[in-house]
Amino acid sequence: MTMSMYAASIPVFQHMLRNLAFILEKGEANAQARGFDPAALTTYRLAPDMLPFTRQVLIACDAAKLCAARISGVEAPKFEDNEATFADLRARVQKTLAYLETVPASAIDGSEDRQITIPVGREKTRTMSAQAYLTTWALPNFFFHITMTYAILRHNGVDLGKADYLAGAAGR
């Protein structure tokens, strides 16, 4: 049995975004329990040339939202990208999940060969099939930014493990 484009995208995004929300809850709770300003985490980066924690979360949300829009043709909402707190970031995740709920399977299934053109850098674009876009660009990018969010929190002493990343609240 083959896997549909919908099954390979929307449920995967939803699952990992719910796990991301759980990881964010744990990060904020850790900062509060240790008595420091959570902004120390939301502005943290692992390397000088790396985007900070907040941007990692926003890009993960955008990766899911924009992929769903591009492969389905269902317009994605525009978000302001002004989130600064853990509460703001959790709300962003919830807005992304709410959008994904509106994308029908019928708009995605059968889109494998649809041509998708995406920006690559400031002045270039790349065109590929929707299936290639999903499997070789959107999903890896999405997982990368969730992993960086996890890594920043873990690096800063938040009690996170593989179960939190893979199963979220269900892993506890």
C-alpha atoms as a PDB file:
ATOM      1  CA  MET A   1       0.000   0.000   0.000  1.00  0.00           C
ATOM      2  CA  THR A   2       1.329   3.413  -0.879  1.00  0.00           C
ATOM      3  CA  MET A   3       1.291   6.341   1.497  1.00  0.00           C
ATOM      4  CA  SER A   4      -0.677   9.376   0.431  1.00  0.00           C
ATOM      5  CA  MET A   5       0.808  12.858   0.305  1.00  0.00           C
ATOM      6  CA  TYR A   6      -1.646  13.891   3.005  1.00  0.00           C
ATOM      7  CA  ALA A   7      -0.626  11.047   5.320  1.00  0.00           C
ATOM      8  CA  ALA A   8       3.040  11.884   4.763  1.00  0.00           C
ATOM      9  CA  SER A   9       2.565  15.560   5.597  1.00  0.00           C
ATOM     10  CA  ILE A  10      -0.274  16.935   7.710  1.00  0.00           C
ATOM     11  CA  PRO A  11      -0.398  14.246  10.431  1.00  0.00           C
ATOM     12  CA  VAL A  12       3.414  14.347  10.700  1.00  0.00           C
ATOM     13  CA  PHE A  13       3.393  18.125  11.089  1.00  0.00           C
ATOM     14  CA  GLN A  14       0.562  17.963  13.622  1.00  0.00           C
ATOM     15  CA  HIS A  15       2.240  15.288  15.716  1.00  0.00           C
ATOM     16  CA  MET A  16       5.566  17.074  15.912  1.00  0.00           C
ATOM     17  CA  LEU A  17       3.993  20.497  16.516  1.00  0.00           C
ATOM     18  CA  ARG A  18       2.117  19.045  19.492  1.00  0.00           C
ATOM     19  CA  ASN A  19       5.420  17.663  20.744  1.00  0.00           C
ATOM     20  CA  LEU A  20       7.000  21.072  20.192  1.00  0.00           C
ATOM     21  CA  ALA A  21       4.274  22.676  22.331  1.00  0.00           C
ATOM     22  CA  PHE A  22       5.057  20.167  25.075  1.00  0.00           C
ATOM     23  CA  ILE A  23       8.784  20.898  24.839  1.00  0.00           C
ATOM     24  CA  LEU A  24       8.031  24.629  25.099  1.00  0.00           C
ATOM     25  CA  GLU A  25       5.956  24.024  28.239  1.00  0.00           C
ATOM     26  CA  LYS A  26       8.835  22.118  29.793  1.00  0.00           C
ATOM     27  CA  GLY A  27      11.297  24.864  28.871  1.00  0.00           C
ATOM     28  CA  GLU A  28       9.255  27.594  30.499  1.00  0.00           C
ATOM     29  CA  ALA A  29       8.545  25.484  33.587  1.00  0.00           C
ATOM     30  CA  ASN A  30      12.260  24.791  33.944  1.00  0.00           C
ATOM     31  CA  ALA A  31      13.135  28.489  33.820  1.00  0.00           C
ATOM     32  CA  GLN A  32      10.490  29.280  36.432  1.00  0.00           C
ATOM     33  CA  ALA A  33      11.581  26.423  38.689  1.00  0.00           C
ATOM     34  CA  ARG A  34      15.200  27.539  38.486  1.00  0.00           C
ATOM     35  CA  GLY A  35      14.249  31.160  39.082  1.00  0.00           C
ATOM     36  CA  PHE A  36      15.564  32.848  35.955  1.00  0.00           C
ATOM     37  CA  ASP A  37      13.940  34.941  33.262  1.00  0.00           C
ATOM     38  CA  PRO A  38      12.646  32.659  30.469  1.00  0.00           C
ATOM     39  CA  ALA A  39      13.897  35.269  27.981  1.00  0.00           C
ATOM     40  CA  ALA A  40      17.362  33.874  28.645  1.00  0.00           C
ATOM     41  CA  LEU A  41      16.171  30.799  26.747  1.00  0.00           C
ATOM     42  CA  THR A  42      14.045  32.445  24.063  1.00  0.00           C
ATOM     43  CA  THR A  43      16.997  34.541  22.876  1.00  0.00           C
ATOM     44  CA  TYR A  44      19.600  31.775  23.191  1.00  0.00           C
ATOM     45  CA  ARG A  45      21.519  30.351  20.235  1.00  0.00           C
ATOM     46  CA  LEU A  46      24.005  27.477  20.115  1.00  0.00           C
ATOM     47  CA  ALA A  47      26.427  29.291  17.805  1.00  0.00           C
ATOM     48  CA  PRO A  48      27.019  32.956  16.958  1.00  0.00           C
ATOM     49  CA  ASP A  49      25.798  32.515  13.374  1.00  0.00           C
ATOM     50  CA  MET A  50      22.719  30.520  14.363  1.00  0.00           C
ATOM     51  CA  LEU A  51      19.229  31.951  14.622  1.00  0.00           C
ATOM     52  CA  PRO A  52      17.974  32.265  18.210  1.00  0.00           C
ATOM     53  CA  PHE A  53      15.522  29.922  19.891  1.00  0.00           C
ATOM     54  CA  THR A  54      12.437  31.990  19.063  1.00  0.00           C
ATOM     55  CA  ARG A  55      13.239  31.983  15.336  1.00  0.00           C
ATOM     56  CA  GLN A  56      13.743  28.198  15.426  1.00  0.00           C
ATOM     57  CA  VAL A  57      10.156  27.795  16.651  1.00  0.00           C
ATOM     58  CA  LEU A  58       8.760  30.292  14.143  1.00  0.00           C
ATOM     59  CA  ILE A  59      10.561  28.647  11.236  1.00  0.00           C
ATOM     60  CA  ALA A  60       9.356  25.182  12.286  1.00  0.00           C
ATOM     61  CA  CYS A  61       5.780  26.502  12.293  1.00  0.00           C
ATOM     62  CA  ASP A  62       6.277  28.234   8.953  1.00  0.00           C
ATOM     63  CA  ALA A  63       7.813  25.123   7.414  1.00  0.00           C
ATOM     64  CA  ALA A  64       4.674  23.145   8.220  1.00  0.00           C
ATOM     65  CA  LYS A  65       2.271  25.934   7.274  1.00  0.00           C
ATOM     66  CA  LEU A  66       3.967  26.820   3.986  1.00  0.00           C
ATOM     67  CA  CYS A  67       4.427  23.223   2.919  1.00  0.00           C
ATOM     68  CA  ALA A  68       0.756  22.516   3.490  1.00  0.00           C
ATOM     69  CA  ALA A  69      -0.169  25.621   1.512  1.00  0.00           C
ATOM     70  CA  ARG A  70       2.189  24.928  -1.355  1.00  0.00           C
ATOM     71  CA  ILE A  71       1.205  21.319  -1.897  1.00  0.00           C
ATOM     72  CA  SER A  72      -2.525  21.868  -1.345  1.00  0.00           C
ATOM     73  CA  GLY A  73      -3.117  25.259  -2.916  1.00  0.00           C
ATOM     74  CA  VAL A  74      -4.935  26.318   0.284  1.00  0.00           C
ATOM     75  CA  GLU A  75      -3.684  29.785   1.195  1.00  0.00           C
ATOM     76  CA  ALA A  76      -1.698  29.973   4.413  1.00  0.00           C
ATOM     77  CA  PRO A  77      -2.402  32.648   7.002  1.00  0.00           C
ATOM     78  CA  LYS A  78       0.212  35.334   7.498  1.00  0.00           C
ATOM     79  CA  PHE A  79       1.651  35.578  10.981  1.00  0.00           C
ATOM     80  CA  GLU A  80       3.403  38.685  12.269  1.00  0.00           C
ATOM     81  CA  ASP A  81       6.546  36.958  13.602  1.00  0.00           C
ATOM     82  CA  ASN A  82       6.518  39.078  16.743  1.00  0.00           C
ATOM     83  CA  GLU A  83       6.438  36.272  19.280  1.00  0.00           C
ATOM     84  CA  ALA A  84       8.838  36.806  22.177  1.00  0.00           C
ATOM     85  CA  THR A  85       7.658  34.727  25.132  1.00  0.00           C
ATOM     86  CA  PHE A  86       7.013  31.055  25.670  1.00  0.00           C
ATOM     87  CA  ALA A  87       3.282  31.815  25.797  1.00  0.00           C
ATOM     88  CA  ASP A  88       3.561  33.613  22.452  1.00  0.00           C
ATOM     89  CA  LEU A  89       5.440  30.677  20.953  1.00  0.00           C
ATOM     90  CA  ARG A  90       2.900  28.136  22.197  1.00  0.00           C
ATOM     91  CA  ALA A  91       0.140  30.317  20.703  1.00  0.00           C
ATOM     92  CA  ARG A  92       2.026  30.330  17.379  1.00  0.00           C
ATOM     93  CA  VAL A  93       2.169  26.542  17.439  1.00  0.00           C
ATOM     94  CA  GLN A  94      -1.576  26.426  18.154  1.00  0.00           C
ATOM     95  CA  LYS A  95      -2.342  28.845  15.281  1.00  0.00           C
ATOM     96  CA  THR A  96      -0.297  26.645  12.965  1.00  0.00           C
ATOM     97  CA  LEU A  97      -2.133  23.532  14.141  1.00  0.00           C
ATOM     98  CA  ALA A  98      -5.471  25.307  13.624  1.00  0.00           C
ATOM     99  CA  TYR A  99      -4.499  26.152  10.034  1.00  0.00           C
ATOM    100  CA  LEU A 100      -3.407  22.580   9.318  1.00  0.00           C
ATOM    101  CA  GLU A 101      -6.853  21.398  10.436  1.00  0.00           C
ATOM    102  CA  THR A 102      -8.383  23.411   7.583  1.00  0.00           C
ATOM    103  CA  VAL A 103      -6.338  21.752   4.852  1.00  0.00           C
ATOM    104  CA  PRO A 104      -8.388  18.927   3.322  1.00  0.00           C
ATOM    105  CA  ALA A 105      -6.761  15.663   2.333  1.00  0.00           C
ATOM    106  CA  SER A 106      -8.438  15.997  -1.054  1.00  0.00           C
ATOM    107  CA  ALA A 107      -6.384  19.129  -1.785  1.00  0.00           C
ATOM    108  CA  ILE A 108      -3.099  17.308  -1.085  1.00  0.00           C
ATOM    109  CA  ASP A 109      -3.599  13.758  -2.274  1.00  0.00           C
ATOM    110  CA  GLY A 110      -2.643  13.413  -5.907  1.00  0.00           C
ATOM    111  CA  SER A 111      -0.334  16.436  -5.785  1.00  0.00           C
ATOM    112  CA  GLU A 112       2.871  14.397  -6.113  1.00  0.00           C
ATOM    113  CA  ASP A 113       3.747  15.753  -9.552  1.00  0.00           C
ATOM    114  CA  ARG A 114       2.564  19.345  -8.995  1.00  0.00           C
ATOM    115  CA  GLN A 115       5.471  21.720  -9.564  1.00  0.00           C
ATOM    116  CA  ILE A 116       6.412  23.746  -6.497  1.00  0.00           C
ATOM    117  CA  THR A 117       8.696  26.764  -6.739  1.00  0.00           C
ATOM    118  CA  ILE A 118      10.239  27.992  -3.506  1.00  0.00           C
ATOM    119  CA  PRO A 119      12.582  30.840  -2.631  1.00  0.00           C
ATOM    120  CA  VAL A 120      16.146  29.742  -1.943  1.00  0.00           C
ATOM    121  CA  GLY A 121      18.022  32.644  -0.480  1.00  0.00           C
ATOM    122  CA  ARG A 122      17.186  36.200  -1.346  1.00  0.00           C
ATOM    123  CA  GLU A 123      17.274  36.095  -5.123  1.00  0.00           C
ATOM    124  CA  LYS A 124      17.032  32.457  -6.226  1.00  0.00           C
ATOM    125  CA  THR A 125      14.243  29.943  -6.537  1.00  0.00           C
ATOM    126  CA  ARG A 126      14.090  26.192  -6.871  1.00  0.00           C
ATOM    127  CA  THR A 127      11.388  24.184  -8.613  1.00  0.00           C
ATOM    128  CA  MET A 128      10.621  20.549  -7.848  1.00  0.00           C
ATOM    129  CA  SER A 129       7.710  18.163  -7.691  1.00  0.00           C
ATOM    130  CA  ALA A 130       5.467  18.396  -4.635  1.00  0.00           C
ATOM    131  CA  GLN A 131       6.605  14.945  -3.545  1.00  0.00           C
ATOM    132  CA  ALA A 132      10.286  15.901  -3.780  1.00  0.00           C
ATOM    133  CA  TYR A 133       9.558  19.192  -2.035  1.00  0.00           C
ATOM    134  CA  LEU A 134       7.800  17.417   0.831  1.00  0.00           C
ATOM    135  CA  THR A 135      10.327  14.627   1.299  1.00  0.00           C
ATOM    136  CA  THR A 136      13.640  16.343   0.541  1.00  0.00           C
ATOM    137  CA  TRP A 137      13.026  19.940   1.592  1.00  0.00           C
ATOM    138  CA  ALA A 138       9.993  20.691   3.767  1.00  0.00           C
ATOM    139  CA  LEU A 139      10.114  17.751   6.169  1.00  0.00           C
ATOM    140  CA  PRO A 140      13.899  17.893   6.716  1.00  0.00           C
ATOM    141  CA  ASN A 141      13.696  21.658   7.294  1.00  0.00           C
ATOM    142  CA  PHE A 142      10.780  21.232   9.705  1.00  0.00           C
ATOM    143  CA  PHE A 143      12.580  18.545  11.715  1.00  0.00           C
ATOM    144  CA  PHE A 144      15.820  20.537  11.715  1.00  0.00           C
ATOM    145  CA  HIS A 145      14.217  23.534  13.413  1.00  0.00           C
ATOM    146  CA  ILE A 146      12.322  21.446  15.954  1.00  0.00           C
ATOM    147  CA  THR A 147      15.571  19.630  16.721  1.00  0.00           C
ATOM    148  CA  MET A 148      17.382  22.941  17.223  1.00  0.00           C
ATOM    149  CA  THR A 149      14.634  24.070  19.611  1.00  0.00           C
ATOM    150  CA  TYR A 150      15.051  20.841  21.551  1.00  0.00           C
ATOM    151  CA  ALA A 151      18.862  21.129  21.494  1.00  0.00           C
ATOM    152  CA  ILE A 152      18.872  24.700  22.823  1.00  0.00           C
ATOM    153  CA  LEU A 153      16.624  23.764  25.719  1.00  0.00           C
ATOM    154  CA  ARG A 154      18.519  20.571  26.456  1.00  0.00           C
ATOM    155  CA  HIS A 155      21.842  22.430  26.312  1.00  0.00           C
ATOM    156  CA  ASN A 156      20.497  24.860  28.894  1.00  0.00           C
ATOM    157  CA  GLY A 157      19.586  22.152  31.380  1.00  0.00           C
ATOM    158  CA  VAL A 158      15.929  21.528  30.594  1.00  0.00           C
ATOM    159  CA  ASP A 159      15.067  17.945  31.496  1.00  0.00           C
ATOM    160  CA  LEU A 160      14.203  16.678  28.027  1.00  0.00           C
ATOM    161  CA  GLY A 161      14.703  13.283  26.506  1.00  0.00           C
ATOM    162  CA  LYS A 162      14.010  11.414  23.330  1.00  0.00           C
ATOM    163  CA  ALA A 163      10.492  10.564  24.493  1.00  0.00           C
ATOM    164  CA  ASP A 164       9.682  14.277  24.777  1.00  0.00           C
ATOM    165  CA  TYR A 165      10.849  14.849  21.215  1.00  0.00           C
ATOM    166  CA  LEU A 166       9.117  11.818  19.715  1.00  0.00           C
ATOM    167  CA  ALA A 167       6.001  11.475  21.850  1.00  0.00           C
ATOM    168  CA  GLY A 168       5.525  14.784  23.688  1.00  0.00           C
ATOM    169  CA  ALA A 169       3.058  14.576  26.532  1.00  0.00           C
ATOM    170  CA  ALA A 170       2.146  11.026  25.497  1.00  0.00           C
ATOM    171  CA  GLY A 171       5.702   9.932  26.324  1.00  0.00           C
ATOM    172  CA  ARG A 172       5.368  10.809  30.005  1.00  0.00           C
END
